[in-house]
């Protein structure tokens, strides 16, 4: 698959996940439907399934995203702390 097609697919997936996140946040997971997600983006239900999978797959992807963001936040905080501590030790000498 050419790069531009892969990039477009990734952007479409990200857009769908963003809408799914919003729908679940506003209405809860039980009220969330693939049909509603598809209609928000004017896509067919099979297209959404092809891009993201089942409802449970979408939820799983959103959870992984949350965990990844938390881990990266902790890593950035830790890295900033270590750099700051290293610079402070250098100034104290």
Protein backbone atom coordinates (compact mmCIF):
# COMPACT_ATOMS: atom_id res chain seq x y z
CA UNK A 1 0.00 0.00 0.00
CA UNK A 2 1.50 3.37 -0.97
CA UNK A 3 2.56 5.67 1.85
CA UNK A 4 -0.17 8.25 1.25
CA UNK A 5 -2.86 5.55 1.50
CA UNK A 6 -1.34 4.31 4.76
CA UNK A 7 -1.19 7.85 6.09
CA UNK A 8 -4.82 8.50 5.12
CA UNK A 9 -5.90 5.26 6.78
CA UNK A 10 -4.04 6.19 9.96
CA UNK A 11 -5.61 9.65 9.98
CA UNK A 12 -9.07 8.19 9.45
CA UNK A 13 -8.51 5.70 12.29
CA UNK A 14 -7.35 8.48 14.61
CA UNK A 15 -10.37 10.60 13.69
CA UNK A 16 -12.73 7.69 14.37
CA UNK A 17 -11.05 6.98 17.71
CA UNK A 18 -11.38 10.63 18.64
CA UNK A 19 -15.10 10.59 17.88
CA UNK A 20 -15.51 7.28 19.72
CA UNK A 21 -13.71 8.76 22.74
CA UNK A 22 -16.10 11.72 22.70
CA UNK A 23 -19.21 9.56 22.31
CA UNK A 24 -18.19 7.22 25.12
CA UNK A 25 -17.24 10.14 27.33
CA UNK A 26 -20.58 11.86 26.77
CA UNK A 27 -22.95 8.89 26.76
CA UNK A 28 -21.10 5.94 28.32
CA UNK A 29 -19.80 2.73 26.82
CA UNK A 30 -23.13 0.90 26.90
CA UNK A 31 -24.82 3.61 24.79
CA UNK A 32 -21.95 3.73 22.28
CA UNK A 33 -22.68 2.03 18.94
CA UNK A 34 -20.69 1.42 15.78
CA UNK A 35 -23.70 2.68 13.85
CA UNK A 36 -23.58 6.06 15.61
CA UNK A 37 -19.82 6.29 15.05
CA UNK A 38 -20.21 5.46 11.36
CA UNK A 39 -22.98 8.00 10.86
CA UNK A 40 -20.96 10.76 12.57
CA UNK A 41 -18.28 10.34 9.90
CA UNK A 42 -20.70 9.41 7.11
CA UNK A 43 -19.08 6.00 6.71
CA UNK A 44 -20.56 2.56 6.36
CA UNK A 45 -20.58 0.23 9.35
CA UNK A 46 -18.30 -2.27 7.53
CA UNK A 47 -15.77 0.53 6.92
CA UNK A 48 -15.65 1.30 10.65
CA UNK A 49 -15.28 -2.41 11.41
CA UNK A 50 -12.46 -2.70 8.86
CA UNK A 51 -10.61 0.25 10.39
CA UNK A 52 -11.19 -0.35 14.11
CA UNK A 53 -12.80 -3.73 14.64
CA UNK A 54 -15.66 -4.45 17.04
CA UNK A 55 -16.96 -2.21 19.82
CA UNK A 56 -14.75 -4.01 22.34
CA UNK A 57 -11.69 -3.48 20.09
CA UNK A 58 -12.39 0.24 19.98
CA UNK A 59 -12.66 0.39 23.76
CA UNK A 60 -9.41 -1.58 24.08
CA UNK A 61 -7.60 0.81 21.72
CA UNK A 62 -8.81 3.79 23.76
CA UNK A 63 -7.61 2.17 27.01
CA UNK A 64 -4.19 1.44 25.48
CA UNK A 65 -4.00 5.07 24.36
CA UNK A 66 -4.77 6.28 27.90
CA UNK A 67 -2.16 3.97 29.43
CA UNK A 68 0.46 4.95 26.84
CA UNK A 69 -0.18 8.65 27.51
CA UNK A 70 0.13 8.11 31.26
CA UNK A 71 3.39 6.19 30.86
CA UNK A 72 4.83 8.87 28.56
CA UNK A 73 3.77 11.57 31.02
CA UNK A 74 5.55 9.76 33.84
CA UNK A 75 8.62 9.24 31.64
CA UNK A 76 8.74 12.93 30.66
CA UNK A 77 8.35 13.98 34.30
CA UNK A 78 11.09 11.58 35.39
CA UNK A 79 13.39 12.67 32.56
CA UNK A 80 12.86 16.34 33.39
CA UNK A 81 13.52 15.62 37.06
CA UNK A 82 16.76 13.75 36.28
CA UNK A 83 18.00 16.48 33.94
CA UNK A 84 17.12 19.14 36.49
CA UNK A 85 18.84 17.21 39.29
CA UNK A 86 21.92 16.70 37.13
CA UNK A 87 22.11 20.41 36.25
CA UNK A 88 21.59 21.40 39.88
CA UNK A 89 24.46 19.13 40.98
CA UNK A 90 26.64 20.69 38.29
CA UNK A 91 25.92 24.21 39.54
CA UNK A 92 26.57 23.28 43.17
CA UNK A 93 30.14 22.19 42.41
